[in-house]
Amino acid sequence: MAEGDSATAGYTLVNLSLVRHFNLGRADAMAFAKLGNAADKLAYNASTIQTIRGLSPVAGRALQFGMRVAFWCRFATFRAQVRRLHPKVR
């Protein structure tokens, strides 16, 4: 421990996630839900400088929902066809 620093109490965080992959037409899709710090535990990061450590706890409970759709499949196929016709295209 650095001189002038103090110990930070240990903690355990519980993060949960649920992911579902599926096809959306010709594209690949993924829907997700994430729950960060599920127990809403108050904790402090030991790498934060001592003068502000007590003022900057880790994030509290956070819920996220989202969806990601990958349309790159068609583009990648197009690029492969262009490369065959024009070998100098990268």
N, C-alpha and C. Protein backbone atom coordinates (compact mmCIF):
# COMPACT_ATOMS: atom_id res chain seq x y z
N MET A 1 0.85 -1.17 0.00
CA MET A 1 0.00 0.00 0.00
C MET A 1 0.90 1.24 0.00
N ALA A 2 0.49 2.22 -0.77
CA ALA A 2 1.27 3.44 -0.89
C ALA A 2 1.25 4.24 0.41
N GLU A 3 2.30 5.01 0.61
CA GLU A 3 2.37 5.84 1.82
C GLU A 3 1.23 6.86 1.80
N GLY A 4 0.55 7.01 2.92
CA GLY A 4 -0.55 7.95 3.04
C GLY A 4 -1.88 7.40 2.55
N ASP A 5 -1.89 6.16 2.05
CA ASP A 5 -3.12 5.55 1.57
C ASP A 5 -3.73 4.70 2.68
N SER A 6 -4.99 4.39 2.57
CA SER A 6 -5.64 3.52 3.56
C SER A 6 -6.30 2.35 2.85
N ALA A 7 -6.54 1.29 3.59
CA ALA A 7 -7.15 0.09 3.02
C ALA A 7 -8.60 0.36 2.63
N THR A 8 -9.04 -0.32 1.59
CA THR A 8 -10.43 -0.23 1.15
C THR A 8 -11.09 -1.56 1.44
N ALA A 9 -12.29 -1.52 2.02
CA ALA A 9 -13.00 -2.75 2.35
C ALA A 9 -13.30 -3.56 1.09
N GLY A 10 -13.22 -4.88 1.19
CA GLY A 10 -13.54 -5.75 0.07
C GLY A 10 -15.05 -5.79 -0.17
N TYR A 11 -15.44 -6.21 -1.35
CA TYR A 11 -16.87 -6.30 -1.66
C TYR A 11 -17.09 -7.33 -2.76
N THR A 12 -18.30 -7.82 -2.86
CA THR A 12 -18.70 -8.74 -3.92
C THR A 12 -19.90 -8.14 -4.64
N LEU A 13 -19.79 -8.02 -5.95
CA LEU A 13 -20.90 -7.51 -6.74
C LEU A 13 -21.53 -8.66 -7.51
N VAL A 14 -22.84 -8.61 -7.67
CA VAL A 14 -23.56 -9.62 -8.45
C VAL A 14 -24.12 -8.91 -9.69
N ASN A 15 -23.67 -9.37 -10.87
CA ASN A 15 -24.14 -8.85 -12.14
C ASN A 15 -24.84 -9.99 -12.88
N LEU A 16 -26.04 -9.73 -13.39
CA LEU A 16 -26.82 -10.75 -14.08
C LEU A 16 -27.08 -10.31 -15.51
N SER A 17 -27.13 -11.29 -16.42
CA SER A 17 -27.46 -10.96 -17.81
C SER A 17 -28.23 -12.11 -18.44
N LEU A 18 -29.08 -11.74 -19.38
CA LEU A 18 -29.88 -12.70 -20.13
C LEU A 18 -29.78 -12.29 -21.59
N VAL A 19 -29.40 -13.26 -22.45
CA VAL A 19 -29.20 -12.98 -23.86
C VAL A 19 -29.97 -13.99 -24.69
N ARG A 20 -30.58 -13.51 -25.77
CA ARG A 20 -31.32 -14.39 -26.69
C ARG A 20 -30.91 -14.05 -28.11
N HIS A 21 -30.35 -15.04 -28.84
CA HIS A 21 -29.96 -14.87 -30.24
C HIS A 21 -31.09 -15.39 -31.13
N PHE A 22 -31.34 -14.69 -32.24
CA PHE A 22 -32.37 -15.13 -33.18
C PHE A 22 -32.13 -14.47 -34.53
N ASN A 23 -32.84 -14.94 -35.55
CA ASN A 23 -32.75 -14.36 -36.89
C ASN A 23 -33.90 -13.39 -37.08
N LEU A 24 -33.57 -12.27 -37.67
CA LEU A 24 -34.56 -11.24 -37.97
C LEU A 24 -34.51 -11.02 -39.48
N GLY A 25 -35.32 -11.77 -40.21
CA GLY A 25 -35.20 -11.77 -41.66
C GLY A 25 -33.90 -12.46 -42.02
N ARG A 26 -33.03 -11.76 -42.77
CA ARG A 26 -31.74 -12.32 -43.16
C ARG A 26 -30.61 -11.85 -42.24
N ALA A 27 -30.94 -11.09 -41.23
CA ALA A 27 -29.93 -10.54 -40.31
C ALA A 27 -29.91 -11.34 -39.01
N ASP A 28 -28.76 -11.34 -38.36
CA ASP A 28 -28.62 -11.95 -37.03
C ASP A 28 -28.98 -10.90 -35.99
N ALA A 29 -29.73 -11.31 -34.98
CA ALA A 29 -30.14 -10.37 -33.94
C ALA A 29 -29.88 -10.95 -32.55
N MET A 30 -29.72 -10.08 -31.60
CA MET A 30 -29.51 -10.47 -30.21
C MET A 30 -30.26 -9.48 -29.32
N ALA A 31 -31.12 -9.99 -28.46
CA ALA A 31 -31.80 -9.15 -27.47
C ALA A 31 -31.18 -9.47 -26.11
N PHE A 32 -31.04 -8.45 -25.27
CA PHE A 32 -30.42 -8.70 -23.97
C PHE A 32 -31.04 -7.85 -22.87
N ALA A 33 -30.87 -8.35 -21.66
CA ALA A 33 -31.23 -7.62 -20.45
C ALA A 33 -30.07 -7.80 -19.48
N LYS A 34 -29.64 -6.72 -18.85
CA LYS A 34 -28.52 -6.77 -17.89
C LYS A 34 -28.93 -6.07 -16.60
N LEU A 35 -28.58 -6.68 -15.49
CA LEU A 35 -28.78 -6.07 -14.19
C LEU A 35 -27.43 -6.00 -13.50
N GLY A 36 -26.90 -4.81 -13.37
CA GLY A 36 -25.61 -4.60 -12.74
C GLY A 36 -25.78 -4.25 -11.27
N ASN A 37 -24.89 -4.78 -10.43
CA ASN A 37 -24.93 -4.55 -8.98
C ASN A 37 -26.34 -4.87 -8.44
N ALA A 38 -26.78 -6.10 -8.67
CA ALA A 38 -28.15 -6.53 -8.35
C ALA A 38 -28.54 -6.28 -6.89
N ALA A 39 -27.60 -6.39 -5.97
CA ALA A 39 -27.91 -6.19 -4.55
C ALA A 39 -27.79 -4.72 -4.14
N ASP A 40 -27.47 -3.84 -5.09
CA ASP A 40 -27.28 -2.41 -4.83
C ASP A 40 -26.29 -2.19 -3.69
N LYS A 41 -25.16 -2.90 -3.78
CA LYS A 41 -24.11 -2.87 -2.76
C LYS A 41 -23.30 -1.57 -2.85
N LEU A 42 -23.10 -0.92 -1.72
CA LEU A 42 -22.25 0.27 -1.67
C LEU A 42 -20.81 -0.19 -1.58
N ALA A 43 -19.99 0.21 -2.54
CA ALA A 43 -18.59 -0.21 -2.57
C ALA A 43 -17.75 0.92 -3.15
N TYR A 44 -16.46 0.87 -2.83
CA TYR A 44 -15.52 1.88 -3.30
C TYR A 44 -14.36 1.21 -3.99
N ASN A 45 -13.89 1.80 -5.08
CA ASN A 45 -12.79 1.25 -5.85
C ASN A 45 -11.46 1.63 -5.21
N ALA A 46 -10.63 0.64 -4.94
CA ALA A 46 -9.34 0.90 -4.28
C ALA A 46 -8.38 1.67 -5.17
N SER A 47 -8.58 1.65 -6.48
CA SER A 47 -7.66 2.37 -7.37
C SER A 47 -7.98 3.85 -7.49
N THR A 48 -9.10 4.30 -6.91
CA THR A 48 -9.43 5.72 -6.90
C THR A 48 -8.50 6.43 -5.91
N ILE A 49 -8.04 7.63 -6.25
CA ILE A 49 -7.12 8.32 -5.35
C ILE A 49 -7.79 8.61 -4.01
N GLN A 50 -7.01 8.55 -2.98
CA GLN A 50 -7.51 8.63 -1.60
C GLN A 50 -8.35 9.87 -1.33
N THR A 51 -7.99 11.00 -1.91
CA THR A 51 -8.69 12.24 -1.58
C THR A 51 -10.15 12.25 -2.04
N ILE A 52 -10.49 11.47 -3.07
CA ILE A 52 -11.89 11.46 -3.53
C ILE A 52 -12.54 10.08 -3.42
N ARG A 53 -11.85 9.11 -2.86
CA ARG A 53 -12.39 7.75 -2.79
C ARG A 53 -13.76 7.70 -2.12
N GLY A 54 -13.95 8.41 -1.03
CA GLY A 54 -15.22 8.40 -0.32
C GLY A 54 -16.33 9.12 -1.07
N LEU A 55 -15.96 9.91 -2.07
CA LEU A 55 -16.94 10.66 -2.84
C LEU A 55 -17.36 9.97 -4.14
N SER A 56 -16.68 8.86 -4.45
CA SER A 56 -16.94 8.22 -5.75
C SER A 56 -17.16 6.71 -5.61
N PRO A 57 -18.30 6.30 -5.11
CA PRO A 57 -18.57 4.86 -5.01
C PRO A 57 -18.80 4.25 -6.39
N VAL A 58 -18.71 2.92 -6.47
CA VAL A 58 -19.02 2.26 -7.74
C VAL A 58 -20.51 2.46 -8.03
N ALA A 59 -20.89 2.26 -9.27
CA ALA A 59 -22.28 2.51 -9.68
C ALA A 59 -23.26 1.62 -8.92
N GLY A 60 -24.42 2.15 -8.63
CA GLY A 60 -25.47 1.39 -7.96
C GLY A 60 -26.18 0.46 -8.94
N ARG A 61 -27.30 -0.05 -8.53
CA ARG A 61 -28.07 -0.98 -9.37
C ARG A 61 -28.42 -0.31 -10.69
N ALA A 62 -28.25 -1.05 -11.78
CA ALA A 62 -28.54 -0.52 -13.11
C ALA A 62 -29.18 -1.61 -13.96
N LEU A 63 -30.27 -1.27 -14.62
CA LEU A 63 -30.98 -2.20 -15.48
C LEU A 63 -30.89 -1.70 -16.92
N GLN A 64 -30.47 -2.59 -17.82
CA GLN A 64 -30.34 -2.23 -19.23
C GLN A 64 -31.08 -3.25 -20.08
N PHE A 65 -31.75 -2.78 -21.11
CA PHE A 65 -32.36 -3.62 -22.12
C PHE A 65 -31.82 -3.16 -23.46
N GLY A 66 -31.64 -4.07 -24.39
CA GLY A 66 -31.16 -3.65 -25.69
C GLY A 66 -31.31 -4.73 -26.73
N MET A 67 -31.03 -4.32 -27.96
CA MET A 67 -31.09 -5.24 -29.08
C MET A 67 -30.00 -4.85 -30.07
N ARG A 68 -29.31 -5.85 -30.57
CA ARG A 68 -28.27 -5.63 -31.56
C ARG A 68 -28.62 -6.43 -32.81
N VAL A 69 -28.56 -5.79 -33.96
CA VAL A 69 -28.86 -6.46 -35.23
C VAL A 69 -27.65 -6.30 -36.13
N ALA A 70 -27.16 -7.41 -36.67
CA ALA A 70 -25.98 -7.40 -37.55
C ALA A 70 -26.42 -7.54 -39.00
N PHE A 71 -26.24 -6.47 -39.77
CA PHE A 71 -26.58 -6.48 -41.18
C PHE A 71 -25.35 -6.75 -42.04
N TRP A 72 -24.21 -6.96 -41.40
CA TRP A 72 -22.94 -7.11 -42.11
C TRP A 72 -22.91 -8.31 -43.04
N CYS A 73 -23.76 -9.29 -42.87
CA CYS A 73 -23.72 -10.50 -43.70
C CYS A 73 -23.86 -10.15 -45.19
N ARG A 74 -24.80 -9.31 -45.52
CA ARG A 74 -25.00 -8.93 -46.92
C ARG A 74 -23.80 -8.15 -47.44
N PHE A 75 -23.28 -7.24 -46.66
CA PHE A 75 -22.15 -6.41 -47.07
C PHE A 75 -20.92 -7.28 -47.29
N ALA A 76 -20.67 -8.23 -46.38
CA ALA A 76 -19.50 -9.10 -46.50
C ALA A 76 -19.62 -9.95 -47.77
N THR A 77 -20.81 -10.41 -48.11
CA THR A 77 -21.01 -11.19 -49.32
C THR A 77 -20.73 -10.32 -50.55
N PHE A 78 -21.21 -9.09 -50.53
CA PHE A 78 -20.98 -8.15 -51.63
C PHE A 78 -19.49 -7.89 -51.80
N ARG A 79 -18.77 -7.67 -50.69
CA ARG A 79 -17.33 -7.40 -50.75
C ARG A 79 -16.59 -8.59 -51.36
N ALA A 80 -16.99 -9.81 -50.99
CA ALA A 80 -16.33 -11.00 -51.53
C ALA A 80 -16.53 -11.08 -53.04
N GLN A 81 -17.72 -10.73 -53.53
CA GLN A 81 -17.98 -10.75 -54.96
C GLN A 81 -17.15 -9.69 -55.67
N VAL A 82 -17.03 -8.51 -55.09
CA VAL A 82 -16.24 -7.43 -55.69
C VAL A 82 -14.78 -7.84 -55.76
N ARG A 83 -14.25 -8.49 -54.73
CA ARG A 83 -12.85 -8.93 -54.73
C ARG A 83 -12.57 -9.92 -55.85
N ARG A 84 -13.52 -10.81 -56.11
CA ARG A 84 -13.33 -11.77 -57.19
C ARG A 84 -13.26 -11.06 -58.54
N LEU A 85 -14.07 -10.04 -58.73
CA LEU A 85 -14.09 -9.33 -59.99
C LEU A 85 -12.94 -8.34 -60.13
N HIS A 86 -12.56 -7.72 -59.01
CA HIS A 86 -11.50 -6.71 -58.97
C HIS A 86 -10.51 -7.05 -57.86
N PRO A 87 -9.47 -7.85 -58.14
CA PRO A 87 -8.57 -8.31 -57.08
C PRO A 87 -7.85 -7.19 -56.32
N LYS A 88 -7.75 -5.98 -56.87
CA LYS A 88 -7.05 -4.90 -56.17
C LYS A 88 -7.89 -4.26 -55.07
N VAL A 89 -9.19 -4.54 -55.03
CA VAL A 89 -10.07 -3.98 -53.99
C VAL A 89 -9.82 -4.71 -52.69
N ARG A 90 -9.64 -3.96 -51.61
CA ARG A 90 -9.41 -4.59 -50.29
C ARG A 90 -10.67 -4.61 -49.49
